[in-house]
């Protein structure tokens, strides 16, 4: 039985944004995410990309994502956004990897690490809502759309479609009942099967076994949709 949304425990990313909301007034999208990164707003000790990007939170993903990509026939993956690329750089993906992010210092750091041979792949500065995106078979948009307003989600998905990718792999909460809008940089859960998205059931669903907030978000998953089938 699906739980009531109000029964869910609080999420640190949302709490910290609310506490600091006034400092985001007047900032554009890049400025908002630069501030989040520079102040470690999401409060994770290991990763500036948040608790969900730490190694213990991604154990299932690191094991199962390579199998999922192989099943889908993916040979190239656009990680949009890639954040600090911490967890994914330890996964044996066996695909051409391209990471993009809106925060310049993140991309500078990742390019330096790639040049030193510490990590593999290409890394580019880009805004998923506005910039031309590299062409890849699949787009991984994990832990991002939950931080964007409905308007910017619509722009991002249109941009993903325009990139020519076949698959969108995105964070979804299949037991969440009612989607609400939010300010860019805040956080709330989203279920892309429900309005205003109504994407239909994902073709594949990879549960992350999320233990954050006492396990109250155990339905957190990566859903796979064919981009051409999504409502325009």
C-alpha atoms as a PDB file:
ATOM      1  CA  UNK A   1       0.000   0.000   0.000  1.00  0.00           C
ATOM      2  CA  UNK A   2       1.344   3.446  -0.943  1.00  0.00           C
ATOM      3  CA  UNK A   3       2.169   5.609   2.014  1.00  0.00           C
ATOM      4  CA  UNK A   4       0.825   9.107   2.547  1.00  0.00           C
ATOM      5  CA  UNK A   5       3.256  11.837   1.455  1.00  0.00           C
ATOM      6  CA  UNK A   6       2.963  13.551   4.838  1.00  0.00           C
ATOM      7  CA  UNK A   7       4.390  10.473   6.562  1.00  0.00           C
ATOM      8  CA  UNK A   8       7.809  10.994   4.984  1.00  0.00           C
ATOM      9  CA  UNK A   9      10.727  12.157   7.139  1.00  0.00           C
ATOM     10  CA  UNK A  10      12.374  15.548   6.481  1.00  0.00           C
ATOM     11  CA  UNK A  11      15.233  15.758   3.980  1.00  0.00           C
ATOM     12  CA  UNK A  12      18.394  17.688   4.846  1.00  0.00           C
ATOM     13  CA  UNK A  13      18.718  19.368   1.433  1.00  0.00           C
ATOM     14  CA  UNK A  14      15.251  20.890   1.771  1.00  0.00           C
ATOM     15  CA  UNK A  15      15.721  21.949   5.384  1.00  0.00           C
ATOM     16  CA  UNK A  16      19.010  23.679   4.659  1.00  0.00           C
ATOM     17  CA  UNK A  17      17.648  25.471   1.595  1.00  0.00           C
ATOM     18  CA  UNK A  18      14.687  26.789   3.573  1.00  0.00           C
ATOM     19  CA  UNK A  19      17.028  28.061   6.286  1.00  0.00           C
ATOM     20  CA  UNK A  20      19.127  29.897   3.679  1.00  0.00           C
ATOM     21  CA  UNK A  21      16.367  30.875   1.245  1.00  0.00           C
ATOM     22  CA  UNK A  22      16.891  34.637   1.522  1.00  0.00           C
ATOM     23  CA  UNK A  23      20.444  34.372   0.184  1.00  0.00           C
ATOM     24  CA  UNK A  24      19.115  32.972  -3.111  1.00  0.00           C
ATOM     25  CA  UNK A  25      16.956  35.984  -3.934  1.00  0.00           C
ATOM     26  CA  UNK A  26      17.780  37.390  -7.360  1.00  0.00           C
ATOM     27  CA  UNK A  27      20.220  34.614  -8.310  1.00  0.00           C
ATOM     28  CA  UNK A  28      20.026  32.911 -11.700  1.00  0.00           C
ATOM     29  CA  UNK A  29      20.265  29.138 -12.098  1.00  0.00           C
ATOM     30  CA  UNK A  30      24.046  28.931 -12.316  1.00  0.00           C
ATOM     31  CA  UNK A  31      24.505  31.310  -9.394  1.00  0.00           C
ATOM     32  CA  UNK A  32      22.123  29.241  -7.286  1.00  0.00           C
ATOM     33  CA  UNK A  33      24.004  26.002  -7.833  1.00  0.00           C
ATOM     34  CA  UNK A  34      27.384  27.681  -7.448  1.00  0.00           C
ATOM     35  CA  UNK A  35      26.229  28.912  -4.048  1.00  0.00           C
ATOM     36  CA  UNK A  36      24.954  25.468  -3.092  1.00  0.00           C
ATOM     37  CA  UNK A  37      28.318  23.970  -4.057  1.00  0.00           C
ATOM     38  CA  UNK A  38      30.513  26.669  -2.517  1.00  0.00           C
ATOM     39  CA  UNK A  39      28.713  26.545   0.849  1.00  0.00           C
ATOM     40  CA  UNK A  40      28.189  22.747   0.848  1.00  0.00           C
ATOM     41  CA  UNK A  41      24.551  23.620   1.461  1.00  0.00           C
ATOM     42  CA  UNK A  42      23.354  20.039   1.177  1.00  0.00           C
ATOM     43  CA  UNK A  43      25.512  19.116   4.164  1.00  0.00           C
ATOM     44  CA  UNK A  44      27.232  15.892   3.076  1.00  0.00           C
ATOM     45  CA  UNK A  45      30.645  15.294   4.651  1.00  0.00           C
ATOM     46  CA  UNK A  46      32.042  13.290   1.696  1.00  0.00           C
ATOM     47  CA  UNK A  47      30.475  14.913  -1.350  1.00  0.00           C
ATOM     48  CA  UNK A  48      29.475  18.465  -2.256  1.00  0.00           C
ATOM     49  CA  UNK A  49      26.833  16.836  -4.432  1.00  0.00           C
ATOM     50  CA  UNK A  50      24.863  15.775  -1.347  1.00  0.00           C
ATOM     51  CA  UNK A  51      24.212  12.744   0.836  1.00  0.00           C
ATOM     52  CA  UNK A  52      22.824  10.771  -2.105  1.00  0.00           C
ATOM     53  CA  UNK A  53      26.201  10.965  -3.871  1.00  0.00           C
ATOM     54  CA  UNK A  54      28.291   9.456  -1.099  1.00  0.00           C
ATOM     55  CA  UNK A  55      29.736   5.987  -1.643  1.00  0.00           C
ATOM     56  CA  UNK A  56      27.584   4.183   0.899  1.00  0.00           C
ATOM     57  CA  UNK A  57      24.435   5.664  -0.686  1.00  0.00           C
ATOM     58  CA  UNK A  58      25.392   4.488  -4.173  1.00  0.00           C
ATOM     59  CA  UNK A  59      26.481   0.895  -3.532  1.00  0.00           C
ATOM     60  CA  UNK A  60      23.463  -0.553  -5.359  1.00  0.00           C
ATOM     61  CA  UNK A  61      23.849   1.905  -8.246  1.00  0.00           C
ATOM     62  CA  UNK A  62      27.528   1.197  -8.728  1.00  0.00           C
ATOM     63  CA  UNK A  63      26.762  -2.505  -8.948  1.00  0.00           C
ATOM     64  CA  UNK A  64      23.574  -2.368 -11.028  1.00  0.00           C
ATOM     65  CA  UNK A  65      23.933   0.631 -13.362  1.00  0.00           C
ATOM     66  CA  UNK A  66      26.488  -1.115 -15.628  1.00  0.00           C
ATOM     67  CA  UNK A  67      24.071  -4.031 -16.053  1.00  0.00           C
ATOM     68  CA  UNK A  68      21.195  -1.658 -16.807  1.00  0.00           C
ATOM     69  CA  UNK A  69      23.197   0.199 -19.467  1.00  0.00           C
ATOM     70  CA  UNK A  70      24.226  -3.089 -21.043  1.00  0.00           C
ATOM     71  CA  UNK A  71      20.586  -4.265 -21.110  1.00  0.00           C
ATOM     72  CA  UNK A  72      19.555  -1.024 -22.854  1.00  0.00           C
ATOM     73  CA  UNK A  73      22.358  -1.327 -25.404  1.00  0.00           C
ATOM     74  CA  UNK A  74      23.932   1.945 -24.253  1.00  0.00           C
ATOM     75  CA  UNK A  75      27.462   2.647 -25.485  1.00  0.00           C
ATOM     76  CA  UNK A  76      27.622   6.346 -24.496  1.00  0.00           C
ATOM     77  CA  UNK A  77      26.268   8.057 -21.370  1.00  0.00           C
ATOM     78  CA  UNK A  78      25.680  11.743 -20.668  1.00  0.00           C
ATOM     79  CA  UNK A  79      25.752  12.373 -16.917  1.00  0.00           C
ATOM     80  CA  UNK A  80      23.665  15.521 -16.656  1.00  0.00           C
ATOM     81  CA  UNK A  81      24.552  16.915 -14.197  1.00  0.00           C
ATOM     82  CA  UNK A  82      27.628  15.045 -13.026  1.00  0.00           C
ATOM     83  CA  UNK A  83      28.356  17.020  -9.833  1.00  0.00           C
ATOM     84  CA  UNK A  84      31.685  15.955  -8.378  1.00  0.00           C
ATOM     85  CA  UNK A  85      31.468  12.610 -10.254  1.00  0.00           C
ATOM     86  CA  UNK A  86      32.615  10.883  -7.086  1.00  0.00           C
ATOM     87  CA  UNK A  87      30.522   7.727  -7.056  1.00  0.00           C
ATOM     88  CA  UNK A  88      30.182   7.251 -10.788  1.00  0.00           C
ATOM     89  CA  UNK A  89      33.921   7.441 -11.368  1.00  0.00           C
ATOM     90  CA  UNK A  90      34.245   4.239  -9.297  1.00  0.00           C
ATOM     91  CA  UNK A  91      31.622   2.311 -11.304  1.00  0.00           C
ATOM     92  CA  UNK A  92      32.741   0.010 -14.107  1.00  0.00           C
ATOM     93  CA  UNK A  93      30.374   1.382 -16.743  1.00  0.00           C
ATOM     94  CA  UNK A  94      32.184   0.227 -19.911  1.00  0.00           C
ATOM     95  CA  UNK A  95      30.639   3.069 -21.950  1.00  0.00           C
ATOM     96  CA  UNK A  96      31.879   6.395 -23.289  1.00  0.00           C
ATOM     97  CA  UNK A  97      31.233   8.800 -20.447  1.00  0.00           C
ATOM     98  CA  UNK A  98      30.494  12.531 -20.763  1.00  0.00           C
ATOM     99  CA  UNK A  99      29.781  14.585 -17.656  1.00  0.00           C
ATOM    100  CA  UNK A 100      28.313  18.085 -17.652  1.00  0.00           C
ATOM    101  CA  UNK A 101      27.611  20.492 -14.844  1.00  0.00           C
ATOM    102  CA  UNK A 102      26.577  24.109 -14.389  1.00  0.00           C
ATOM    103  CA  UNK A 103      29.224  24.860 -11.720  1.00  0.00           C
ATOM    104  CA  UNK A 104      32.525  25.976 -13.312  1.00  0.00           C
ATOM    105  CA  UNK A 105      34.786  24.950 -10.430  1.00  0.00           C
ATOM    106  CA  UNK A 106      33.432  21.396 -10.531  1.00  0.00           C
ATOM    107  CA  UNK A 107      34.216  21.050 -14.234  1.00  0.00           C
ATOM    108  CA  UNK A 108      37.677  22.599 -13.788  1.00  0.00           C
ATOM    109  CA  UNK A 109      38.432  20.061 -11.062  1.00  0.00           C
ATOM    110  CA  UNK A 110      37.123  17.110 -13.069  1.00  0.00           C
ATOM    111  CA  UNK A 111      39.103  18.116 -16.155  1.00  0.00           C
ATOM    112  CA  UNK A 112      42.255  18.335 -14.059  1.00  0.00           C
ATOM    113  CA  UNK A 113      41.605  14.904 -12.562  1.00  0.00           C
ATOM    114  CA  UNK A 114      40.952  13.427 -16.005  1.00  0.00           C
ATOM    115  CA  UNK A 115      44.164  14.961 -17.348  1.00  0.00           C
ATOM    116  CA  UNK A 116      46.050  13.400 -14.442  1.00  0.00           C
ATOM    117  CA  UNK A 117      44.528  10.009 -15.184  1.00  0.00           C
ATOM    118  CA  UNK A 118      42.563   9.843 -11.925  1.00  0.00           C
ATOM    119  CA  UNK A 119      39.210   9.539 -13.706  1.00  0.00           C
ATOM    120  CA  UNK A 120      38.021   8.766 -17.228  1.00  0.00           C
ATOM    121  CA  UNK A 121      35.694  10.584 -19.596  1.00  0.00           C
ATOM    122  CA  UNK A 122      34.966  14.061 -20.910  1.00  0.00           C
ATOM    123  CA  UNK A 123      33.661  16.919 -18.770  1.00  0.00           C
ATOM    124  CA  UNK A 124      31.980  20.085 -20.045  1.00  0.00           C
ATOM    125  CA  UNK A 125      30.418  23.194 -18.516  1.00  0.00           C
ATOM    126  CA  UNK A 126      26.733  23.272 -19.496  1.00  0.00           C
ATOM    127  CA  UNK A 127      23.272  24.185 -18.269  1.00  0.00           C
ATOM    128  CA  UNK A 128      20.898  21.284 -18.925  1.00  0.00           C
ATOM    129  CA  UNK A 129      17.983  23.681 -19.371  1.00  0.00           C
ATOM    130  CA  UNK A 130      19.545  25.835 -22.082  1.00  0.00           C
ATOM    131  CA  UNK A 131      22.813  24.656 -23.661  1.00  0.00           C
ATOM    132  CA  UNK A 132      23.333  22.331 -26.612  1.00  0.00           C
ATOM    133  CA  UNK A 133      24.146  18.930 -25.124  1.00  0.00           C
ATOM    134  CA  UNK A 134      26.613  16.301 -26.352  1.00  0.00           C
ATOM    135  CA  UNK A 135      24.958  13.431 -28.221  1.00  0.00           C
ATOM    136  CA  UNK A 136      24.887  10.198 -26.229  1.00  0.00           C
ATOM    137  CA  UNK A 137      22.683   7.109 -26.255  1.00  0.00           C
ATOM    138  CA  UNK A 138      21.379   7.734 -22.745  1.00  0.00           C
ATOM    139  CA  UNK A 139      21.119  10.661 -20.347  1.00  0.00           C
ATOM    140  CA  UNK A 140      21.504  10.030 -16.634  1.00  0.00           C
ATOM    141  CA  UNK A 141      19.752  12.807 -14.705  1.00  0.00           C
ATOM    142  CA  UNK A 142      20.067  11.634 -11.129  1.00  0.00           C
ATOM    143  CA  UNK A 143      19.159  13.778  -8.109  1.00  0.00           C
ATOM    144  CA  UNK A 144      18.670  16.892 -10.250  1.00  0.00           C
ATOM    145  CA  UNK A 145      15.096  17.419 -11.432  1.00  0.00           C
ATOM    146  CA  UNK A 146      13.998  17.168  -7.788  1.00  0.00           C
ATOM    147  CA  UNK A 147      15.849  20.477  -7.286  1.00  0.00           C
ATOM    148  CA  UNK A 148      14.298  22.314 -10.275  1.00  0.00           C
ATOM    149  CA  UNK A 149      11.059  24.217 -10.780  1.00  0.00           C
ATOM    150  CA  UNK A 150       8.444  22.727 -13.083  1.00  0.00           C
ATOM    151  CA  UNK A 151       9.365  25.327 -15.724  1.00  0.00           C
ATOM    152  CA  UNK A 152      13.031  24.341 -15.705  1.00  0.00           C
ATOM    153  CA  UNK A 153      12.188  20.630 -15.683  1.00  0.00           C
ATOM    154  CA  UNK A 154      10.184  21.220 -18.854  1.00  0.00           C
ATOM    155  CA  UNK A 155      13.116  23.077 -20.409  1.00  0.00           C
ATOM    156  CA  UNK A 156      15.583  20.366 -19.394  1.00  0.00           C
ATOM    157  CA  UNK A 157      13.494  17.518 -20.781  1.00  0.00           C
ATOM    158  CA  UNK A 158      12.936  19.382 -24.052  1.00  0.00           C
ATOM    159  CA  UNK A 159      16.696  19.905 -24.233  1.00  0.00           C
ATOM    160  CA  UNK A 160      17.337  16.228 -23.520  1.00  0.00           C
ATOM    161  CA  UNK A 161      14.979  15.343 -26.353  1.00  0.00           C
ATOM    162  CA  UNK A 162      16.739  17.781 -28.705  1.00  0.00           C
ATOM    163  CA  UNK A 163      20.098  16.161 -27.941  1.00  0.00           C
ATOM    164  CA  UNK A 164      19.103  13.049 -29.862  1.00  0.00           C
ATOM    165  CA  UNK A 165      19.472  10.675 -26.927  1.00  0.00           C
ATOM    166  CA  UNK A 166      17.306   7.557 -26.897  1.00  0.00           C
ATOM    167  CA  UNK A 167      16.951   7.029 -23.148  1.00  0.00           C
ATOM    168  CA  UNK A 168      16.365   9.205 -20.105  1.00  0.00           C
ATOM    169  CA  UNK A 169      17.353   7.681 -16.762  1.00  0.00           C
ATOM    170  CA  UNK A 170      16.031   9.906 -13.980  1.00  0.00           C
ATOM    171  CA  UNK A 171      15.347   9.875 -10.239  1.00  0.00           C
ATOM    172  CA  UNK A 172      11.749   9.098  -9.384  1.00  0.00           C
ATOM    173  CA  UNK A 173       9.808   8.124  -6.259  1.00  0.00           C
ATOM    174  CA  UNK A 174       7.135   5.666  -7.439  1.00  0.00           C
ATOM    175  CA  UNK A 175       5.213   5.705  -4.142  1.00  0.00           C
ATOM    176  CA  UNK A 176       5.009   9.535  -4.015  1.00  0.00           C
ATOM    177  CA  UNK A 177       1.444  10.707  -4.479  1.00  0.00           C
ATOM    178  CA  UNK A 178       1.365  14.422  -5.380  1.00  0.00           C
ATOM    179  CA  UNK A 179       3.983  16.478  -7.242  1.00  0.00           C
ATOM    180  CA  UNK A 180       4.495  20.085  -6.120  1.00  0.00           C
ATOM    181  CA  UNK A 181       6.442  22.911  -7.723  1.00  0.00           C
ATOM    182  CA  UNK A 182       9.488  24.348  -5.955  1.00  0.00           C
ATOM    183  CA  UNK A 183      12.039  27.113  -6.169  1.00  0.00           C
ATOM    184  CA  UNK A 184      15.187  26.229  -8.116  1.00  0.00           C
ATOM    185  CA  UNK A 185      17.737  24.818  -5.677  1.00  0.00           C
ATOM    186  CA  UNK A 186      15.181  23.579  -3.160  1.00  0.00           C
ATOM    187  CA  UNK A 187      14.225  19.880  -2.966  1.00  0.00           C
ATOM    188  CA  UNK A 188      11.054  17.840  -3.078  1.00  0.00           C
ATOM    189  CA  UNK A 189      10.254  14.319  -4.214  1.00  0.00           C
ATOM    190  CA  UNK A 190       8.801  13.719  -7.675  1.00  0.00           C
ATOM    191  CA  UNK A 191       6.934  10.791  -9.193  1.00  0.00           C
ATOM    192  CA  UNK A 192       7.133  11.165 -12.966  1.00  0.00           C
ATOM    193  CA  UNK A 193       4.222   8.809 -13.529  1.00  0.00           C
ATOM    194  CA  UNK A 194       1.908  11.411 -11.971  1.00  0.00           C
ATOM    195  CA  UNK A 195       0.722  14.859 -13.094  1.00  0.00           C
ATOM    196  CA  UNK A 196       1.906  17.295 -14.315  1.00  0.00           C
ATOM    197  CA  UNK A 197       4.418  14.944 -16.006  1.00  0.00           C
ATOM    198  CA  UNK A 198       2.400  11.778 -16.687  1.00  0.00           C
ATOM    199  CA  UNK A 199       5.304   9.971 -18.330  1.00  0.00           C
ATOM    200  CA  UNK A 200       3.783   6.557 -17.768  1.00  0.00           C
ATOM    201  CA  UNK A 201       5.469   3.628 -16.025  1.00  0.00           C
ATOM    202  CA  UNK A 202       9.237   3.459 -16.518  1.00  0.00           C
ATOM    203  CA  UNK A 203      10.458   0.694 -18.801  1.00  0.00           C
ATOM    204  CA  UNK A 204      13.038  -0.215 -16.167  1.00  0.00           C
ATOM    205  CA  UNK A 205      13.150   0.714 -12.487  1.00  0.00           C
ATOM    206  CA  UNK A 206      16.312   0.467 -10.402  1.00  0.00           C
ATOM    207  CA  UNK A 207      15.651   0.905  -6.696  1.00  0.00           C
ATOM    208  CA  UNK A 208      18.635   2.534  -4.966  1.00  0.00           C
ATOM    209  CA  UNK A 209      17.940   1.074  -1.506  1.00  0.00           C
ATOM    210  CA  UNK A 210      18.070   4.593  -0.076  1.00  0.00           C
ATOM    211  CA  UNK A 211      18.675   4.600   3.689  1.00  0.00           C
ATOM    212  CA  UNK A 212      18.686   8.394   4.147  1.00  0.00           C
ATOM    213  CA  UNK A 213      16.421   9.803   6.881  1.00  0.00           C
ATOM    214  CA  UNK A 214      15.921   6.448   8.548  1.00  0.00           C
ATOM    215  CA  UNK A 215      14.837   4.659   5.393  1.00  0.00           C
ATOM    216  CA  UNK A 216      11.768   6.813   4.839  1.00  0.00           C
ATOM    217  CA  UNK A 217      12.654   7.230   1.160  1.00  0.00           C
ATOM    218  CA  UNK A 218      13.211   3.588   0.267  1.00  0.00           C
ATOM    219  CA  UNK A 219      11.284   3.944  -2.982  1.00  0.00           C
ATOM    220  CA  UNK A 220      13.941   6.281  -4.418  1.00  0.00           C
ATOM    221  CA  UNK A 221      14.756   4.807  -7.821  1.00  0.00           C
ATOM    222  CA  UNK A 222      16.183   5.445 -11.232  1.00  0.00           C
ATOM    223  CA  UNK A 223      13.458   5.118 -13.834  1.00  0.00           C
ATOM    224  CA  UNK A 224      14.140   4.585 -17.533  1.00  0.00           C
ATOM    225  CA  UNK A 225      11.979   6.195 -20.196  1.00  0.00           C
ATOM    226  CA  UNK A 226      12.316   6.388 -23.961  1.00  0.00           C
ATOM    227  CA  UNK A 227      12.689  10.104 -24.645  1.00  0.00           C
ATOM    228  CA  UNK A 228      10.704   9.971 -27.891  1.00  0.00           C
ATOM    229  CA  UNK A 229       7.693   8.665 -25.936  1.00  0.00           C
ATOM    230  CA  UNK A 230       7.596  11.461 -23.352  1.00  0.00           C
ATOM    231  CA  UNK A 231       4.898  14.148 -23.638  1.00  0.00           C
ATOM    232  CA  UNK A 232       6.143  17.282 -25.387  1.00  0.00           C
END
